[in-house]
């Protein structure tokens, strides 16, 4: 009987070890927490009401250590591009690293929960390439920024929409692209848009443009396109003015130096 009990305890202890990780102790995690005064969760995270209603995820384990190390290295490089004041003014409190992230049963790289001031990121998405991950880190943060600054992740901005050609209508939202069998990613598919995904929703248009400010490849393309694309130039100017209005140090010179 004692042997059986001991075996059960051993099995439970082994399962517990496999179900959690020690990623919280990594230098990159500690550095981000200390610099930005945010909580970074790598183990079990219950989530707020919004996340519980719309999403599901699993906790990375020690067996994911190689994958996590690659991901956190890239994430740290991208996040450290932000001045601390940008995180503060947008009231972000938590970043949660997960795997098997699903939002309304769709597999997703990330999910913003602005009501809990939390961003979720799926560490397994490096299979889609480093370029994709670097850009989408910023894209997803924009959705939280939009809710924080305008009170709605799907904020309707008449000024922004006035830049588009007369009669243009956005699609039914970014989630529609996941179910659209005809969706194909493309860059600068038409005047005023950096990607084909931008066309699916007004909020996605801003999120795509925002994320293109933060990597040298996309910045170079964007600043070359706006020379002749007057619609895109108006959106670019709107975004730079908005950011600079919140954090003065994030001006044109900041972005030029960031992407030099």
Foldseek 3Di string as FASTA:
>chain_A
DVVVVVVVVVVVVVVVQQQFADCCPDPLNVVCCVQQVAAEAQHDDPDDPVCVVFKDFGHHHPVCVVLVVVQSVLVSVLVVLDHSLLCVLLVAHYEYETAQMDTNNHGDQKADDLVVSYIYGYSPPCVVPSVVSSLVVQLRVLLSSCCSVPVHSQDDDPVLVVLDDPPQDAAPDLVVLSVDPPDDWDACPDQQAGIPSLRNGVSSRLSNLRSLLQELVSVVVLVVVVVPRVSNVVSNVVVQVVSCVSPVVSHPVSSVVNND
